[in-house]
Amino acid sequence: MMTDAPESEMFSSRRSEGAANDEDVRRRRECAKIAKSLYRVRRARTHTFGAHAALFGEPAWDILLNLYIAHSSGRAISRTKASKSGDVPQTTGLRILTMLAERGLVTRIDDPGDRRRSFVGLSDAAITLMETCMMAFLDAAGRAPRPTQKRRSRAKTDNPAARAEGPTTVSAHDRVARPPTKGAIVREP
């Protein structure tokens, strides 16, 4: 049985850029969650529609989703396992992996411990494209992470009226001022 290897040993270019800030970490976690959800939904759709599932085939997308999920959890996937994640015959999956590599979306590294096996992972460009796509899905669902904002103390405001009434927050969706809830992040005007 093929096993996954730690990505840190195989594909380290994105991880070696240094510690990401909290917002990047939060964004990447959200992207990973949506990718996992998309992959699960696609597998459930295939299972539900059975023989009719071939009508919905996008094996390249399934492979990219699976490679992105592996990347987000820090694992590299064997070429064989990645080819099967497209829910197509293995030879077709291998052909798709070759096409993805030719387009610069997938990189391949031979297993130093077993010359018969190789690992595949997303290129830096593909990771960026997948994160952009996942953020678009999150944004369309109204769940895109918002930038972190600083909390403002009521005592430090220069406006006496604001001190008396308390700070307000502005909803990102409807831009209507509302009193803040306990622990709310307050925007400065």
Protein backbone atom coordinates (compact mmCIF):
# COMPACT_ATOMS: atom_id res chain seq x y z
CA MET A 1 0.00 0.00 0.00
CA MET A 2 1.28 3.46 -0.88
CA THR A 3 1.83 5.80 2.01
CA ASP A 4 2.01 9.54 2.11
CA ALA A 5 5.26 11.24 3.05
CA PRO A 6 5.57 14.45 5.00
CA GLU A 7 5.48 17.35 2.58
CA SER A 8 8.27 19.06 4.51
CA GLU A 9 10.62 16.40 3.18
CA MET A 10 9.36 16.56 -0.39
CA PHE A 11 7.88 19.94 -1.30
CA SER A 12 9.27 22.58 1.02
CA SER A 13 9.30 25.76 -1.08
CA ARG A 14 6.04 27.27 0.28
CA ARG A 15 6.66 26.17 3.86
CA SER A 16 10.16 27.62 4.00
CA GLU A 17 9.03 31.19 3.44
CA GLY A 18 8.99 31.82 7.17
CA ALA A 19 6.21 32.02 9.67
CA ALA A 20 3.03 33.35 8.13
CA ASN A 21 1.06 35.99 9.95
CA ASP A 22 -2.15 35.02 11.75
CA GLU A 23 -4.35 36.28 8.93
CA ASP A 24 -2.55 34.13 6.35
CA VAL A 25 -2.83 31.10 8.60
CA ARG A 26 -6.54 31.73 9.11
CA ARG A 27 -7.07 32.21 5.36
CA ARG A 28 -5.22 29.00 4.51
CA ARG A 29 -7.23 27.03 7.08
CA GLU A 30 -10.47 28.32 5.59
CA CYS A 31 -9.25 27.44 2.09
CA ALA A 32 -8.37 23.92 3.25
CA LYS A 33 -11.82 23.49 4.82
CA ILE A 34 -13.61 24.51 1.64
CA ALA A 35 -11.39 22.25 -0.48
CA LYS A 36 -12.16 19.28 1.78
CA SER A 37 -15.87 20.07 1.65
CA LEU A 38 -15.83 20.36 -2.13
CA TYR A 39 -14.01 17.06 -2.49
CA ARG A 40 -16.44 15.29 -0.11
CA VAL A 41 -19.46 16.74 -1.94
CA ARG A 42 -18.05 15.62 -5.29
CA ARG A 43 -17.51 12.07 -3.98
CA ALA A 44 -21.03 12.03 -2.50
CA ARG A 45 -22.44 13.21 -5.82
CA THR A 46 -20.60 10.42 -7.63
CA HIS A 47 -21.93 7.87 -5.14
CA THR A 48 -25.49 9.21 -5.31
CA PHE A 49 -25.74 9.37 -9.10
CA GLY A 50 -23.95 6.04 -9.66
CA ALA A 51 -23.88 5.23 -13.38
CA HIS A 52 -24.95 8.78 -14.24
CA ALA A 53 -21.98 10.32 -12.40
CA ALA A 54 -19.89 10.27 -15.58
CA LEU A 55 -21.98 13.23 -16.73
CA PHE A 56 -20.24 15.39 -14.12
CA GLY A 57 -16.64 14.34 -14.71
CA GLU A 58 -13.86 16.79 -13.93
CA PRO A 59 -11.03 14.48 -12.90
CA ALA A 60 -8.34 17.17 -13.22
CA TRP A 61 -10.21 19.34 -10.72
CA ASP A 62 -10.62 16.39 -8.34
CA ILE A 63 -6.89 15.69 -8.52
CA LEU A 64 -6.05 19.36 -7.89
CA LEU A 65 -8.43 19.44 -4.92
CA ASN A 66 -6.86 16.31 -3.46
CA LEU A 67 -3.34 17.66 -3.94
CA TYR A 68 -4.36 20.95 -2.31
CA ILE A 69 -5.85 19.10 0.66
CA ALA A 70 -2.62 17.10 1.00
CA HIS A 71 -0.58 20.30 0.76
CA SER A 72 -2.66 22.01 3.46
CA SER A 73 -2.11 19.08 5.82
CA GLY A 74 1.62 18.94 5.08
CA ARG A 75 1.71 15.67 3.15
CA ALA A 76 2.92 14.69 -0.28
CA ILE A 77 0.92 12.10 -2.20
CA SER A 78 2.28 9.28 -4.30
CA ARG A 79 1.70 9.65 -8.03
CA THR A 80 -0.44 6.51 -8.03
CA LYS A 81 -2.67 7.71 -5.21
CA ALA A 82 -3.08 11.14 -6.82
CA SER A 83 -4.07 9.56 -10.13
CA LYS A 84 -6.81 7.57 -8.38
CA SER A 85 -8.23 10.67 -6.68
CA GLY A 86 -9.74 11.79 -9.99
CA ASP A 87 -12.18 8.88 -9.80
CA VAL A 88 -11.08 7.67 -13.23
CA PRO A 89 -9.05 4.65 -14.35
CA GLN A 90 -5.46 4.89 -13.17
CA THR A 91 -4.02 5.30 -16.67
CA THR A 92 -6.35 8.23 -17.31
CA GLY A 93 -5.38 9.74 -13.96
CA LEU A 94 -1.69 9.40 -14.80
CA ARG A 95 -2.30 11.07 -18.17
CA ILE A 96 -4.06 13.94 -16.41
CA LEU A 97 -1.17 14.29 -13.95
CA THR A 98 1.22 14.50 -16.91
CA MET A 99 -0.91 17.24 -18.49
CA LEU A 100 -1.05 19.15 -15.19
CA ALA A 101 2.75 18.87 -14.89
CA GLU A 102 3.22 20.10 -18.46
CA ARG A 103 1.13 23.16 -17.59
CA GLY A 104 3.23 23.85 -14.52
CA LEU A 105 0.53 23.04 -11.96
CA VAL A 106 2.02 19.85 -10.56
CA THR A 107 5.57 18.95 -9.60
CA ARG A 108 7.00 15.46 -9.32
CA ILE A 109 9.76 14.21 -7.05
CA ASP A 110 11.17 10.68 -7.06
CA ASP A 111 11.08 8.84 -3.75
CA PRO A 112 14.69 8.65 -2.59
CA GLY A 113 13.96 5.41 -0.70
CA ASP A 114 12.13 3.60 -3.51
CA ARG A 115 12.98 4.34 -7.14
CA ARG A 116 9.74 2.73 -8.31
CA ARG A 117 7.66 5.41 -6.62
CA SER A 118 7.36 9.16 -7.00
CA PHE A 119 5.44 11.87 -5.22
CA VAL A 120 3.45 14.72 -6.69
CA GLY A 121 2.46 18.05 -5.25
CA LEU A 122 1.13 21.38 -6.39
CA SER A 123 3.53 23.95 -7.78
CA ASP A 124 3.70 27.33 -6.06
CA ALA A 125 1.62 28.80 -8.90
CA ALA A 126 -1.04 26.11 -8.48
CA ILE A 127 -1.18 26.67 -4.72
CA THR A 128 -1.80 30.37 -5.32
CA LEU A 129 -4.48 29.59 -7.92
CA MET A 130 -6.20 27.08 -5.62
CA GLU A 131 -6.17 29.52 -2.70
CA THR A 132 -7.61 32.24 -4.93
CA CYS A 133 -10.32 29.87 -6.11
CA MET A 134 -11.13 28.68 -2.57
CA MET A 135 -11.37 32.31 -1.39
CA ALA A 136 -13.78 33.02 -4.26
CA PHE A 137 -15.93 30.09 -3.10
CA LEU A 138 -15.82 31.36 0.48
CA ASP A 139 -16.65 34.89 -0.63
CA ALA A 140 -19.59 33.64 -2.72
CA ALA A 141 -20.85 31.77 0.34
CA GLY A 142 -20.43 34.91 2.46
CA ARG A 143 -17.82 33.20 4.64
CA ALA A 144 -14.59 34.82 3.45
CA PRO A 145 -12.31 35.73 6.33
CA ARG A 146 -12.29 39.44 7.03
CA PRO A 147 -9.10 41.29 7.91
CA THR A 148 -8.36 41.36 11.61
CA GLN A 149 -9.05 44.73 13.18
CA LYS A 150 -7.76 46.33 16.36
CA ARG A 151 -10.05 46.73 19.33
CA ARG A 152 -10.57 50.27 20.51
CA SER A 153 -11.11 51.18 24.12
CA ARG A 154 -14.02 53.56 24.82
CA ALA A 155 -11.88 55.49 27.27
CA LYS A 156 -9.35 56.45 24.61
CA THR A 157 -11.75 58.08 22.17
CA ASP A 158 -11.44 61.82 21.54
CA ASN A 159 -15.13 62.23 20.77
CA PRO A 160 -17.20 62.87 23.97
CA ALA A 161 -20.41 61.81 22.21
CA ALA A 162 -18.88 58.50 21.22
CA ARG A 163 -17.67 58.03 24.81
CA ALA A 164 -21.21 58.58 26.09
CA GLU A 165 -22.94 56.36 23.54
CA GLY A 166 -20.20 53.76 23.23
CA PRO A 167 -18.47 52.60 20.06
CA THR A 168 -20.35 51.17 17.12
CA THR A 169 -19.43 48.54 14.57
CA VAL A 170 -20.31 48.52 10.92
CA SER A 171 -21.58 45.34 9.34
CA ALA A 172 -19.56 44.42 6.26
CA HIS A 173 -22.70 43.22 4.51
CA ASP A 174 -25.14 46.07 4.89
CA ARG A 175 -22.98 48.91 6.25
CA VAL A 176 -25.53 49.78 8.93
CA ALA A 177 -24.15 51.02 12.24
CA ARG A 178 -25.09 48.78 15.14
CA PRO A 179 -24.11 48.72 18.80
CA PRO A 180 -21.29 46.25 19.35
CA THR A 181 -21.80 42.89 20.99
CA LYS A 182 -19.59 41.78 23.83
CA GLY A 183 -16.07 41.23 22.48
CA ALA A 184 -16.87 42.82 19.11
CA ILE A 185 -14.16 44.30 16.96
CA VAL A 186 -14.63 48.02 16.60
CA ARG A 187 -13.70 49.95 13.47
CA GLU A 188 -12.15 53.34 13.81
CA PRO A 189 -13.80 56.03 11.69
